[in-house]
Every structure is written in structure tokens, then in C-alpha cells.
Amino acid sequence: MKKYSSKKITIFFYLILLICQASFAYVENPEKNFSTKKNMVDESKIRWTPVKNIQATCEAESRKRKFGGFGYAVEACSFWDKDEDGNNICSIYTKVSTNMHTLGHEVRHCFQGKWHK
């Protein structure tokens, strides 16, 4: 069995720690404030549809609107439409069992569009 120096072991665990921290950097903080100055609309009708297969539904809705699908796993999705009178309609799709963060995230899309960086 090969022996490793304590310096190599320390470096290895330090790298693992950095990788873990980097992976959590992409997780949204539901407590973090954001500017409402980025709102694209100030009024929208919201339609919320819980579905059994969120991935299939979001992929289908995206393709229906000629966006090409997501190509990655989603927890929910939302899309803008106009009704016959030209009013904004935001359609949100979530799993049948969801949480406030996911729903709030999608509602933000209803007012700020594609706000992800």
C-alpha cells in the first residue's frame, strides 16, 4: 500500500473543501434581497399548474414556444403569454408537491423574465 505524506493529504482535503464550497455558490439564497427595478411588468395574471412529471411538462412547454427545451433538470418553469386582450399571463408549472422557494422563484420570473445570470 502506497503511503501519502501529511502535506498531500492536507492538500487533498483542502481541494475537496474548495470544490464543495464552489458547488454551493450556485445555490440560490432565498433570503437574499434583489432589486425590483428589474421588473419588466408591474401586472400579470398568474396561472399555476401543478403537474406529475415536471421535466416532461417544462420541456414540452418550452418546445411549444420554440425555445428548444431546457436540456437540464428543472424543479419548475414559467412562461409568458398574452391573452386575447393583450394582457400578460404568466404560466407557472411546478411539481404536485413543491415549496415556497420554488414557487416564489417562478413568480419572480413572471415579473422579471429571464433574470438568471
PDB file of N, CA and C in Angstrom:
ATOM      1  N   MET A   1       0.837  -1.186   0.000  1.00  0.00           N
ATOM      2  CA  MET A   1       0.000   0.000   0.000  1.00  0.00           C
ATOM      3  C   MET A   1       0.877   1.242   0.000  1.00  0.00           C
ATOM      4  N   LYS A   2       0.526   2.199  -0.855  1.00  0.00           N
ATOM      5  CA  LYS A   2       1.310   3.419  -1.013  1.00  0.00           C
ATOM      6  C   LYS A   2       1.031   4.375   0.139  1.00  0.00           C
ATOM      7  N   LYS A   3       2.084   4.992   0.680  1.00  0.00           N
ATOM      8  CA  LYS A   3       1.939   5.959   1.757  1.00  0.00           C
ATOM      9  C   LYS A   3       1.892   7.368   1.164  1.00  0.00           C
ATOM     10  N   TYR A   4       1.051   8.196   1.741  1.00  0.00           N
ATOM     11  CA  TYR A   4       0.952   9.590   1.316  1.00  0.00           C
ATOM     12  C   TYR A   4       1.430  10.476   2.453  1.00  0.00           C
ATOM     13  N   SER A   5       2.120  11.534   2.103  1.00  0.00           N
ATOM     14  CA  SER A   5       2.595  12.459   3.132  1.00  0.00           C
ATOM     15  C   SER A   5       1.414  13.241   3.691  1.00  0.00           C
ATOM     16  N   SER A   6       1.604  13.740   4.899  1.00  0.00           N
ATOM     17  CA  SER A   6       0.530  14.533   5.523  1.00  0.00           C
ATOM     18  C   SER A   6       0.265  15.800   4.714  1.00  0.00           C
ATOM     19  N   LYS A   7       1.284  16.319   4.042  1.00  0.00           N
ATOM     20  CA  LYS A   7       1.099  17.511   3.202  1.00  0.00           C
ATOM     21  C   LYS A   7       0.173  17.206   2.024  1.00  0.00           C
ATOM     22  N   LYS A   8       0.352  16.054   1.380  1.00  0.00           N
ATOM     23  CA  LYS A   8      -0.504  15.666   0.263  1.00  0.00           C
ATOM     24  C   LYS A   8      -1.933  15.430   0.727  1.00  0.00           C
ATOM     25  N   ILE A   9      -2.083  14.826   1.888  1.00  0.00           N
ATOM     26  CA  ILE A   9      -3.428  14.573   2.433  1.00  0.00           C
ATOM     27  C   ILE A   9      -4.115  15.898   2.750  1.00  0.00           C
ATOM     28  N   THR A  10      -3.373  16.827   3.333  1.00  0.00           N
ATOM     29  CA  THR A  10      -3.934  18.141   3.658  1.00  0.00           C
ATOM     30  C   THR A  10      -4.370  18.869   2.387  1.00  0.00           C
ATOM     31  N   ILE A  11      -3.532  18.839   1.371  1.00  0.00           N
ATOM     32  CA  ILE A  11      -3.866  19.486   0.098  1.00  0.00           C
ATOM     33  C   ILE A  11      -5.109  18.843  -0.516  1.00  0.00           C
ATOM     34  N   PHE A  12      -5.187  17.520  -0.460  1.00  0.00           N
ATOM     35  CA  PHE A  12      -6.344  16.797  -0.995  1.00  0.00           C
ATOM     36  C   PHE A  12      -7.633  17.249  -0.317  1.00  0.00           C
ATOM     37  N   PHE A  13      -7.645  17.309   1.023  1.00  0.00           N
ATOM     38  CA  PHE A  13      -8.849  17.704   1.740  1.00  0.00           C
ATOM     39  C   PHE A  13      -9.184  19.184   1.528  1.00  0.00           C
ATOM     40  N   TYR A  14      -8.143  20.005   1.348  1.00  0.00           N
ATOM     41  CA  TYR A  14      -8.366  21.412   1.047  1.00  0.00           C
ATOM     42  C   TYR A  14      -9.047  21.558  -0.322  1.00  0.00           C
ATOM     43  N   LEU A  15      -8.604  20.786  -1.298  1.00  0.00           N
ATOM     44  CA  LEU A  15      -9.228  20.820  -2.621  1.00  0.00           C
ATOM     45  C   LEU A  15     -10.677  20.348  -2.566  1.00  0.00           C
ATOM     46  N   ILE A  16     -10.940  19.307  -1.818  1.00  0.00           N
ATOM     47  CA  ILE A  16     -12.319  18.817  -1.650  1.00  0.00           C
ATOM     48  C   ILE A  16     -13.187  19.911  -1.042  1.00  0.00           C
ATOM     49  N   LEU A  17     -12.672  20.593  -0.035  1.00  0.00           N
ATOM     50  CA  LEU A  17     -13.418  21.684   0.604  1.00  0.00           C
ATOM     51  C   LEU A  17     -13.723  22.795  -0.400  1.00  0.00           C
ATOM     52  N   LEU A  18     -12.751  23.171  -1.214  1.00  0.00           N
ATOM     53  CA  LEU A  18     -12.968  24.209  -2.228  1.00  0.00           C
ATOM     54  C   LEU A  18     -14.025  23.792  -3.246  1.00  0.00           C
ATOM     55  N   ILE A  19     -13.982  22.540  -3.663  1.00  0.00           N
ATOM     56  CA  ILE A  19     -14.979  22.034  -4.617  1.00  0.00           C
ATOM     57  C   ILE A  19     -16.367  22.093  -4.007  1.00  0.00           C
ATOM     58  N   CYS A  20     -16.488  21.695  -2.750  1.00  0.00           N
ATOM     59  CA  CYS A  20     -17.795  21.739  -2.071  1.00  0.00           C
ATOM     60  C   CYS A  20     -18.308  23.170  -1.961  1.00  0.00           C
ATOM     61  N   GLN A  21     -17.433  24.096  -1.595  1.00  0.00           N
ATOM     62  CA  GLN A  21     -17.842  25.496  -1.482  1.00  0.00           C
ATOM     63  C   GLN A  21     -18.258  26.058  -2.837  1.00  0.00           C
ATOM     64  N   ALA A  22     -17.536  25.696  -3.878  1.00  0.00           N
ATOM     65  CA  ALA A  22     -17.878  26.182  -5.217  1.00  0.00           C
ATOM     66  C   ALA A  22     -19.233  25.649  -5.651  1.00  0.00           C
ATOM     67  N   SER A  23     -19.538  24.411  -5.321  1.00  0.00           N
ATOM     68  CA  SER A  23     -20.821  23.845  -5.732  1.00  0.00           C
ATOM     69  C   SER A  23     -21.977  24.523  -5.012  1.00  0.00           C
ATOM     70  N   PHE A  24     -21.780  24.957  -3.772  1.00  0.00           N
ATOM     71  CA  PHE A  24     -22.838  25.640  -3.047  1.00  0.00           C
ATOM     72  C   PHE A  24     -22.970  27.096  -3.467  1.00  0.00           C
ATOM     73  N   ALA A  25     -21.980  27.639  -4.154  1.00  0.00           N
ATOM     74  CA  ALA A  25     -22.047  29.030  -4.603  1.00  0.00           C
ATOM     75  C   ALA A  25     -23.165  29.222  -5.615  1.00  0.00           C
ATOM     76  N   TYR A  26     -23.579  28.162  -6.290  1.00  0.00           N
ATOM     77  CA  TYR A  26     -24.617  28.263  -7.309  1.00  0.00           C
ATOM     78  C   TYR A  26     -26.026  28.053  -6.743  1.00  0.00           C
ATOM     79  N   VAL A  27     -26.126  27.742  -5.469  1.00  0.00           N
ATOM     80  CA  VAL A  27     -27.425  27.541  -4.843  1.00  0.00           C
ATOM     81  C   VAL A  27     -27.994  28.904  -4.482  1.00  0.00           C
ATOM     82  N   GLU A  28     -29.219  29.137  -4.860  1.00  0.00           N
ATOM     83  CA  GLU A  28     -29.859  30.418  -4.552  1.00  0.00           C
ATOM     84  C   GLU A  28     -30.114  30.555  -3.064  1.00  0.00           C
ATOM     85  N   ASN A  29     -29.929  31.743  -2.575  1.00  0.00           N
ATOM     86  CA  ASN A  29     -30.235  32.054  -1.191  1.00  0.00           C
ATOM     87  C   ASN A  29     -31.629  32.680  -1.158  1.00  0.00           C
ATOM     88  N   PRO A  30     -32.630  31.982  -0.615  1.00  0.00           N
ATOM     89  CA  PRO A  30     -33.994  32.524  -0.615  1.00  0.00           C
ATOM     90  C   PRO A  30     -34.154  33.763   0.271  1.00  0.00           C
ATOM     91  N   GLU A  31     -33.170  34.038   1.114  1.00  0.00           N
ATOM     92  CA  GLU A  31     -33.237  35.208   1.996  1.00  0.00           C
ATOM     93  C   GLU A  31     -32.572  36.446   1.377  1.00  0.00           C
ATOM     94  N   LYS A  32     -31.857  36.276   0.267  1.00  0.00           N
ATOM     95  CA  LYS A  32     -31.120  37.388  -0.337  1.00  0.00           C
ATOM     96  C   LYS A  32     -32.075  38.343  -1.051  1.00  0.00           C
ATOM     97  N   ASN A  33     -31.920  39.623  -0.783  1.00  0.00           N
ATOM     98  CA  ASN A  33     -32.749  40.633  -1.437  1.00  0.00           C
ATOM     99  C   ASN A  33     -32.334  40.809  -2.893  1.00  0.00           C
ATOM    100  N   PHE A  34     -33.260  41.245  -3.721  1.00  0.00           N
ATOM    101  CA  PHE A  34     -32.990  41.572  -5.114  1.00  0.00           C
ATOM    102  C   PHE A  34     -33.768  42.828  -5.456  1.00  0.00           C
ATOM    103  N   SER A  35     -33.312  43.537  -6.470  1.00  0.00           N
ATOM    104  CA  SER A  35     -33.932  44.800  -6.845  1.00  0.00           C
ATOM    105  C   SER A  35     -35.207  44.563  -7.658  1.00  0.00           C
ATOM    106  N   THR A  36     -36.245  45.290  -7.313  1.00  0.00           N
ATOM    107  CA  THR A  36     -37.479  45.250  -8.094  1.00  0.00           C
ATOM    108  C   THR A  36     -37.426  46.222  -9.266  1.00  0.00           C
ATOM    109  N   LYS A  37     -36.339  46.979  -9.379  1.00  0.00           N
ATOM    110  CA  LYS A  37     -36.169  47.887 -10.508  1.00  0.00           C
ATOM    111  C   LYS A  37     -35.996  47.123 -11.810  1.00  0.00           C
ATOM    112  N   LYS A  38     -35.696  45.829 -11.709  1.00  0.00           N
ATOM    113  CA  LYS A  38     -35.517  44.998 -12.899  1.00  0.00           C
ATOM    114  C   LYS A  38     -36.845  44.432 -13.419  1.00  0.00           C
ATOM    115  N   ASN A  39     -37.949  44.767 -12.757  1.00  0.00           N
ATOM    116  CA  ASN A  39     -39.245  44.247 -13.196  1.00  0.00           C
ATOM    117  C   ASN A  39     -39.539  44.696 -14.623  1.00  0.00           C
ATOM    118  N   MET A  40     -39.989  43.762 -15.442  1.00  0.00           N
ATOM    119  CA  MET A  40     -40.341  44.069 -16.825  1.00  0.00           C
ATOM    120  C   MET A  40     -41.810  44.472 -16.935  1.00  0.00           C
ATOM    121  N   VAL A  41     -42.614  43.980 -16.016  1.00  0.00           N
ATOM    122  CA  VAL A  41     -44.036  44.334 -15.962  1.00  0.00           C
ATOM    123  C   VAL A  41     -44.403  44.594 -14.509  1.00  0.00           C
ATOM    124  N   ASP A  42     -45.483  45.341 -14.300  1.00  0.00           N
ATOM    125  CA  ASP A  42     -45.941  45.555 -12.930  1.00  0.00           C
ATOM    126  C   ASP A  42     -47.279  44.871 -12.670  1.00  0.00           C
ATOM    127  N   GLU A  43     -47.786  44.212 -13.706  1.00  0.00           N
ATOM    128  CA  GLU A  43     -49.044  43.493 -13.552  1.00  0.00           C
ATOM    129  C   GLU A  43     -49.055  42.296 -14.484  1.00  0.00           C
ATOM    130  N   SER A  44     -49.482  41.168 -13.934  1.00  0.00           N
ATOM    131  CA  SER A  44     -49.571  39.950 -14.728  1.00  0.00           C
ATOM    132  C   SER A  44     -50.547  38.992 -14.073  1.00  0.00           C
ATOM    133  N   LYS A  45     -51.352  38.357 -14.878  1.00  0.00           N
ATOM    134  CA  LYS A  45     -52.212  37.295 -14.381  1.00  0.00           C
ATOM    135  C   LYS A  45     -51.323  36.053 -14.261  1.00  0.00           C
ATOM    136  N   ILE A  46     -51.414  35.353 -13.133  1.00  0.00           N
ATOM    137  CA  ILE A  46     -50.586  34.175 -12.918  1.00  0.00           C
ATOM    138  C   ILE A  46     -51.459  32.933 -12.904  1.00  0.00           C
ATOM    139  N   ARG A  47     -51.059  31.977 -13.728  1.00  0.00           N
ATOM    140  CA  ARG A  47     -51.736  30.685 -13.792  1.00  0.00           C
ATOM    141  C   ARG A  47     -50.745  29.647 -13.254  1.00  0.00           C
ATOM    142  N   TRP A  48     -51.144  28.913 -12.217  1.00  0.00           N
ATOM    143  CA  TRP A  48     -50.264  27.928 -11.585  1.00  0.00           C
ATOM    144  C   TRP A  48     -50.822  26.537 -11.839  1.00  0.00           C
ATOM    145  N   THR A  49     -50.011  25.689 -12.458  1.00  0.00           N
ATOM    146  CA  THR A  49     -50.434  24.334 -12.777  1.00  0.00           C
ATOM    147  C   THR A  49     -49.470  23.316 -12.161  1.00  0.00           C
ATOM    148  N   PRO A  50     -49.885  22.638 -11.093  1.00  0.00           N
ATOM    149  CA  PRO A  50     -49.059  21.544 -10.552  1.00  0.00           C
ATOM    150  C   PRO A  50     -49.184  20.318 -11.465  1.00  0.00           C
ATOM    151  N   VAL A  51     -48.050  19.668 -11.751  1.00  0.00           N
ATOM    152  CA  VAL A  51     -48.052  18.517 -12.657  1.00  0.00           C
ATOM    153  C   VAL A  51     -47.268  17.355 -12.047  1.00  0.00           C
ATOM    154  N   LYS A  52     -47.568  16.157 -12.517  1.00  0.00           N
ATOM    155  CA  LYS A  52     -46.890  14.964 -12.010  1.00  0.00           C
ATOM    156  C   LYS A  52     -45.473  14.833 -12.568  1.00  0.00           C
ATOM    157  N   ASN A  53     -45.280  15.123 -13.855  1.00  0.00           N
ATOM    158  CA  ASN A  53     -43.957  14.989 -14.467  1.00  0.00           C
ATOM    159  C   ASN A  53     -43.468  16.370 -14.889  1.00  0.00           C
ATOM    160  N   ILE A  54     -42.765  17.033 -13.970  1.00  0.00           N
ATOM    161  CA  ILE A  54     -42.356  18.419 -14.216  1.00  0.00           C
ATOM    162  C   ILE A  54     -41.369  18.521 -15.370  1.00  0.00           C
ATOM    163  N   GLN A  55     -40.454  17.587 -15.477  1.00  0.00           N
ATOM    164  CA  GLN A  55     -39.448  17.656 -16.540  1.00  0.00           C
ATOM    165  C   GLN A  55     -40.098  17.573 -17.920  1.00  0.00           C
ATOM    166  N   ALA A  56     -40.967  16.574 -18.100  1.00  0.00           N
ATOM    167  CA  ALA A  56     -41.631  16.408 -19.397  1.00  0.00           C
ATOM    168  C   ALA A  56     -42.503  17.619 -19.730  1.00  0.00           C
ATOM    169  N   THR A  57     -43.210  18.138 -18.735  1.00  0.00           N
ATOM    170  CA  THR A  57     -44.085  19.288 -18.959  1.00  0.00           C
ATOM    171  C   THR A  57     -43.282  20.531 -19.338  1.00  0.00           C
ATOM    172  N   CYS A  58     -42.226  20.813 -18.599  1.00  0.00           N
ATOM    173  CA  CYS A  58     -41.421  22.009 -18.885  1.00  0.00           C
ATOM    174  C   CYS A  58     -40.726  21.901 -20.237  1.00  0.00           C
ATOM    175  N   GLU A  59     -40.228  20.716 -20.557  1.00  0.00           N
ATOM    176  CA  GLU A  59     -39.596  20.520 -21.868  1.00  0.00           C
ATOM    177  C   GLU A  59     -40.619  20.749 -22.986  1.00  0.00           C
ATOM    178  N   ALA A  60     -41.825  20.186 -22.827  1.00  0.00           N
ATOM    179  CA  ALA A  60     -42.863  20.323 -23.850  1.00  0.00           C
ATOM    180  C   ALA A  60     -43.311  21.782 -23.999  1.00  0.00           C
ATOM    181  N   GLU A  61     -43.505  22.462 -22.879  1.00  0.00           N
ATOM    182  CA  GLU A  61     -43.927  23.871 -22.934  1.00  0.00           C
ATOM    183  C   GLU A  61     -42.849  24.740 -23.576  1.00  0.00           C
ATOM    184  N   SER A  62     -41.600  24.464 -23.274  1.00  0.00           N
ATOM    185  CA  SER A  62     -40.503  25.213 -23.873  1.00  0.00           C
ATOM    186  C   SER A  62     -40.449  25.004 -25.382  1.00  0.00           C
ATOM    187  N   ARG A  63     -40.568  23.775 -25.806  1.00  0.00           N
ATOM    188  CA  ARG A  63     -40.529  23.483 -27.247  1.00  0.00           C
ATOM    189  C   ARG A  63     -41.755  24.072 -27.962  1.00  0.00           C
ATOM    190  N   LYS A  64     -42.898  24.024 -27.302  1.00  0.00           N
ATOM    191  CA  LYS A  64     -44.121  24.586 -27.888  1.00  0.00           C
ATOM    192  C   LYS A  64     -43.940  26.067 -28.220  1.00  0.00           C
ATOM    193  N   ARG A  65     -43.148  26.746 -27.385  1.00  0.00           N
ATOM    194  CA  ARG A  65     -42.892  28.175 -27.587  1.00  0.00           C
ATOM    195  C   ARG A  65     -41.625  28.428 -28.415  1.00  0.00           C
ATOM    196  N   LYS A  66     -41.091  27.340 -28.966  1.00  0.00           N
ATOM    197  CA  LYS A  66     -39.899  27.392 -29.832  1.00  0.00           C
ATOM    198  C   LYS A  66     -38.637  27.857 -29.105  1.00  0.00           C
ATOM    199  N   PHE A  67     -38.530  27.511 -27.803  1.00  0.00           N
ATOM    200  CA  PHE A  67     -37.332  27.803 -27.022  1.00  0.00           C
ATOM    201  C   PHE A  67     -36.355  26.632 -27.036  1.00  0.00           C
ATOM    202  N   GLY A  68     -36.778  25.470 -27.528  1.00  0.00           N
ATOM    203  CA  GLY A  68     -35.871  24.337 -27.676  1.00  0.00           C
ATOM    204  C   GLY A  68     -35.715  23.429 -26.482  1.00  0.00           C
ATOM    205  N   GLY A  69     -36.425  23.652 -25.416  1.00  0.00           N
ATOM    206  CA  GLY A  69     -36.291  22.792 -24.235  1.00  0.00           C
ATOM    207  C   GLY A  69     -35.211  23.299 -23.297  1.00  0.00           C
ATOM    208  N   PHE A  70     -35.080  22.637 -22.173  1.00  0.00           N
ATOM    209  CA  PHE A  70     -34.120  23.062 -21.158  1.00  0.00           C
ATOM    210  C   PHE A  70     -32.780  22.336 -21.280  1.00  0.00           C
ATOM    211  N   GLY A  71     -32.821  21.021 -21.422  1.00  0.00           N
ATOM    212  CA  GLY A  71     -31.578  20.260 -21.521  1.00  0.00           C
ATOM    213  C   GLY A  71     -30.897  20.035 -20.187  1.00  0.00           C
ATOM    214  N   TYR A  72     -31.553  20.374 -19.097  1.00  0.00           N
ATOM    215  CA  TYR A  72     -31.045  20.119 -17.739  1.00  0.00           C
ATOM    216  C   TYR A  72     -32.253  19.918 -16.829  1.00  0.00           C
ATOM    217  N   ALA A  73     -32.037  19.347 -15.672  1.00  0.00           N
ATOM    218  CA  ALA A  73     -33.134  19.057 -14.743  1.00  0.00           C
ATOM    219  C   ALA A  73     -33.726  20.355 -14.191  1.00  0.00           C
ATOM    220  N   VAL A  74     -35.047  20.404 -14.121  1.00  0.00           N
ATOM    221  CA  VAL A  74     -35.741  21.567 -13.562  1.00  0.00           C
ATOM    222  C   VAL A  74     -36.669  21.134 -12.439  1.00  0.00           C
ATOM    223  N   GLU A  75     -36.906  22.047 -11.512  1.00  0.00           N
ATOM    224  CA  GLU A  75     -37.849  21.831 -10.413  1.00  0.00           C
ATOM    225  C   GLU A  75     -39.198  22.454 -10.746  1.00  0.00           C
ATOM    226  N   ALA A  76     -39.183  23.412 -11.672  1.00  0.00           N
ATOM    227  CA  ALA A  76     -40.386  24.146 -12.072  1.00  0.00           C
ATOM    228  C   ALA A  76     -40.015  24.986 -13.290  1.00  0.00           C
ATOM    229  N   CYS A  77     -41.015  25.622 -13.884  1.00  0.00           N
ATOM    230  CA  CYS A  77     -40.745  26.518 -15.011  1.00  0.00           C
ATOM    231  C   CYS A  77     -41.904  27.499 -15.142  1.00  0.00           C
ATOM    232  N   SER A  78     -41.649  28.579 -15.860  1.00  0.00           N
ATOM    233  CA  SER A  78     -42.701  29.571 -16.095  1.00  0.00           C
ATOM    234  C   SER A  78     -42.508  30.176 -17.474  1.00  0.00           C
ATOM    235  N   PHE A  79     -43.625  30.605 -18.051  1.00  0.00           N
ATOM    236  CA  PHE A  79     -43.630  31.159 -19.403  1.00  0.00           C
ATOM    237  C   PHE A  79     -44.614  32.306 -19.476  1.00  0.00           C
ATOM    238  N   TRP A  80     -44.286  33.309 -20.291  1.00  0.00           N
ATOM    239  CA  TRP A  80     -45.170  34.443 -20.521  1.00  0.00           C
ATOM    240  C   TRP A  80     -45.985  34.226 -21.773  1.00  0.00           C
ATOM    241  N   ASP A  81     -47.221  34.645 -21.681  1.00  0.00           N
ATOM    242  CA  ASP A  81     -48.121  34.640 -22.827  1.00  0.00           C
ATOM    243  C   ASP A  81     -48.957  35.912 -22.757  1.00  0.00           C
ATOM    244  N   LYS A  82     -49.709  36.166 -23.796  1.00  0.00           N
ATOM    245  CA  LYS A  82     -50.679  37.269 -23.819  1.00  0.00           C
ATOM    246  C   LYS A  82     -52.055  36.662 -24.045  1.00  0.00           C
ATOM    247  N   ASP A  83     -53.064  37.201 -23.365  1.00  0.00           N
ATOM    248  CA  ASP A  83     -54.417  36.734 -23.640  1.00  0.00           C
ATOM    249  C   ASP A  83     -54.961  37.466 -24.865  1.00  0.00           C
ATOM    250  N   GLU A  84     -56.210  37.213 -25.218  1.00  0.00           N
ATOM    251  CA  GLU A  84     -56.784  37.802 -26.426  1.00  0.00           C
ATOM    252  C   GLU A  84     -56.883  39.333 -26.361  1.00  0.00           C
ATOM    253  N   ASP A  85     -56.821  39.896 -25.143  1.00  0.00           N
ATOM    254  CA  ASP A  85     -56.869  41.346 -24.979  1.00  0.00           C
ATOM    255  C   ASP A  85     -55.474  41.967 -24.850  1.00  0.00           C
ATOM    256  N   GLY A  86     -54.439  41.135 -24.953  1.00  0.00           N
ATOM    257  CA  GLY A  86     -53.067  41.643 -24.855  1.00  0.00           C
ATOM    258  C   GLY A  86     -52.529  41.745 -23.450  1.00  0.00           C
ATOM    259  N   ASN A  87     -53.261  41.184 -22.477  1.00  0.00           N
ATOM    260  CA  ASN A  87     -52.807  41.217 -21.089  1.00  0.00           C
ATOM    261  C   ASN A  87     -51.775  40.120 -20.831  1.00  0.00           C
ATOM    262  N   ASN A  88     -50.839  40.406 -19.932  1.00  0.00           N
ATOM    263  CA  ASN A  88     -49.814  39.425 -19.569  1.00  0.00           C
ATOM    264  C   ASN A  88     -50.411  38.257 -18.799  1.00  0.00           C
ATOM    265  N   ILE A  89     -50.019  37.074 -19.216  1.00  0.00           N
ATOM    266  CA  ILE A  89     -50.370  35.858 -18.475  1.00  0.00           C
ATOM    267  C   ILE A  89     -49.075  35.102 -18.245  1.00  0.00           C
ATOM    268  N   CYS A  90     -48.792  34.811 -17.007  1.00  0.00           N
ATOM    269  CA  CYS A  90     -47.604  34.039 -16.666  1.00  0.00           C
ATOM    270  C   CYS A  90     -48.064  32.661 -16.207  1.00  0.00           C
ATOM    271  N   SER A  91     -47.623  31.645 -16.919  1.00  0.00           N
ATOM    272  CA  SER A  91     -47.994  30.269 -16.585  1.00  0.00           C
ATOM    273  C   SER A  91     -46.842  29.620 -15.840  1.00  0.00           C
ATOM    274  N   ILE A  92     -47.120  29.191 -14.608  1.00  0.00           N
ATOM    275  CA  ILE A  92     -46.123  28.530 -13.771  1.00  0.00           C
ATOM    276  C   ILE A  92     -46.478  27.057 -13.675  1.00  0.00           C
ATOM    277  N   TYR A  93     -45.472  26.202 -13.842  1.00  0.00           N
ATOM    278  CA  TYR A  93     -45.628  24.759 -13.696  1.00  0.00           C
ATOM    279  C   TYR A  93     -44.696  24.293 -12.590  1.00  0.00           C
ATOM    280  N   THR A  94     -45.250  23.582 -11.614  1.00  0.00           N
ATOM    281  CA  THR A  94     -44.455  23.014 -10.528  1.00  0.00           C
ATOM    282  C   THR A  94     -44.822  21.552 -10.352  1.00  0.00           C
ATOM    283  N   LYS A  95     -44.031  20.865  -9.547  1.00  0.00           N
ATOM    284  CA  LYS A  95     -44.395  19.508  -9.145  1.00  0.00           C
ATOM    285  C   LYS A  95     -45.657  19.600  -8.292  1.00  0.00           C
ATOM    286  N   VAL A  96     -46.360  18.502  -8.162  1.00  0.00           N
ATOM    287  CA  VAL A  96     -47.563  18.479  -7.333  1.00  0.00           C
ATOM    288  C   VAL A  96     -47.207  18.837  -5.892  1.00  0.00           C
ATOM    289  N   SER A  97     -46.057  18.383  -5.431  1.00  0.00           N
ATOM    290  CA  SER A  97     -45.551  18.736  -4.109  1.00  0.00           C
ATOM    291  C   SER A  97     -44.349  19.660  -4.304  1.00  0.00           C
ATOM    292  N   THR A  98     -44.488  20.912  -3.909  1.00  0.00           N
ATOM    293  CA  THR A  98     -43.424  21.889  -4.124  1.00  0.00           C
ATOM    294  C   THR A  98     -43.172  22.667  -2.847  1.00  0.00           C
ATOM    295  N   ASN A  99     -42.372  23.708  -2.907  1.00  0.00           N
ATOM    296  CA  ASN A  99     -42.093  24.509  -1.710  1.00  0.00           C
ATOM    297  C   ASN A  99     -42.188  25.995  -2.061  1.00  0.00           C
ATOM    298  N   MET A 100     -42.165  26.829  -1.032  1.00  0.00           N
ATOM    299  CA  MET A 100     -42.326  28.274  -1.224  1.00  0.00           C
ATOM    300  C   MET A 100     -41.184  28.880  -2.039  1.00  0.00           C
ATOM    301  N   HIS A 101     -39.979  28.389  -1.850  1.00  0.00           N
ATOM    302  CA  HIS A 101     -38.846  28.933  -2.584  1.00  0.00           C
ATOM    303  C   HIS A 101     -39.023  28.704  -4.085  1.00  0.00           C
ATOM    304  N   THR A 102     -39.409  27.490  -4.453  1.00  0.00           N
ATOM    305  CA  THR A 102     -39.602  27.177  -5.871  1.00  0.00           C
ATOM    306  C   THR A 102     -40.717  28.030  -6.469  1.00  0.00           C
ATOM    307  N   LEU A 103     -41.829  28.126  -5.777  1.00  0.00           N
ATOM    308  CA  LEU A 103     -42.945  28.922  -6.285  1.00  0.00           C
ATOM    309  C   LEU A 103     -42.575  30.404  -6.368  1.00  0.00           C
ATOM    310  N   GLY A 104     -41.927  30.915  -5.341  1.00  0.00           N
ATOM    311  CA  GLY A 104     -41.503  32.316  -5.350  1.00  0.00           C
ATOM    312  C   GLY A 104     -40.511  32.604  -6.461  1.00  0.00           C
ATOM    313  N   HIS A 105     -39.623  31.669  -6.712  1.00  0.00           N
ATOM    314  CA  HIS A 105     -38.649  31.793  -7.793  1.00  0.00           C
ATOM    315  C   HIS A 105     -39.364  31.977  -9.134  1.00  0.00           C
ATOM    316  N   GLU A 106     -40.378  31.153  -9.362  1.00  0.00           N
ATOM    317  CA  GLU A 106     -41.127  31.238 -10.620  1.00  0.00           C
ATOM    318  C   GLU A 106     -41.965  32.499 -10.701  1.00  0.00           C
ATOM    319  N   VAL A 107     -42.526  32.941  -9.585  1.00  0.00           N
ATOM    320  CA  VAL A 107     -43.289  34.193  -9.588  1.00  0.00           C
ATOM    321  C   VAL A 107     -42.366  35.356  -9.946  1.00  0.00           C
ATOM    322  N   ARG A 108     -41.132  35.305  -9.465  1.00  0.00           N
ATOM    323  CA  ARG A 108     -40.177  36.361  -9.842  1.00  0.00           C
ATOM    324  C   ARG A 108     -39.983  36.378 -11.357  1.00  0.00           C
ATOM    325  N   HIS A 109     -39.930  35.200 -11.989  1.00  0.00           N
ATOM    326  CA  HIS A 109     -39.829  35.156 -13.449  1.00  0.00           C
ATOM    327  C   HIS A 109     -41.033  35.837 -14.098  1.00  0.00           C
ATOM    328  N   CYS A 110     -42.190  35.740 -13.467  1.00  0.00           N
ATOM    329  CA  CYS A 110     -43.392  36.366 -14.023  1.00  0.00           C
ATOM    330  C   CYS A 110     -43.253  37.887 -14.117  1.00  0.00           C
ATOM    331  N   PHE A 111     -42.438  38.476 -13.267  1.00  0.00           N
ATOM    332  CA  PHE A 111     -42.275  39.924 -13.260  1.00  0.00           C
ATOM    333  C   PHE A 111     -40.940  40.395 -13.828  1.00  0.00           C
ATOM    334  N   GLN A 112     -39.919  39.521 -13.768  1.00  0.00           N
ATOM    335  CA  GLN A 112     -38.596  39.940 -14.228  1.00  0.00           C
ATOM    336  C   GLN A 112     -38.070  39.138 -15.412  1.00  0.00           C
ATOM    337  N   GLY A 113     -38.874  38.246 -15.948  1.00  0.00           N
ATOM    338  CA  GLY A 113     -38.440  37.477 -17.106  1.00  0.00           C
ATOM    339  C   GLY A 113     -37.275  36.559 -16.787  1.00  0.00           C
ATOM    340  N   LYS A 114     -36.359  36.464 -17.710  1.00  0.00           N
ATOM    341  CA  LYS A 114     -35.201  35.583 -17.538  1.00  0.00           C
ATOM    342  C   LYS A 114     -34.117  36.351 -16.777  1.00  0.00           C
ATOM    343  N   TRP A 115     -34.129  36.260 -15.461  1.00  0.00           N
ATOM    344  CA  TRP A 115     -33.228  37.048 -14.638  1.00  0.00           C
ATOM    345  C   TRP A 115     -31.985  36.286 -14.194  1.00  0.00           C
ATOM    346  N   HIS A 116     -31.897  35.003 -14.493  1.00  0.00           N
ATOM    347  CA  HIS A 116     -30.713  34.235 -14.113  1.00  0.00           C
ATOM    348  C   HIS A 116     -29.473  34.820 -14.761  1.00  0.00           C
ATOM    349  N   LYS A 117     -28.351  34.680 -14.065  1.00  0.00           N
ATOM    350  CA  LYS A 117     -27.068  35.135 -14.627  1.00  0.00           C
ATOM    351  C   LYS A 117     -26.437  34.017 -15.403  1.00  0.00           C
TER     352      LYS A 117
END
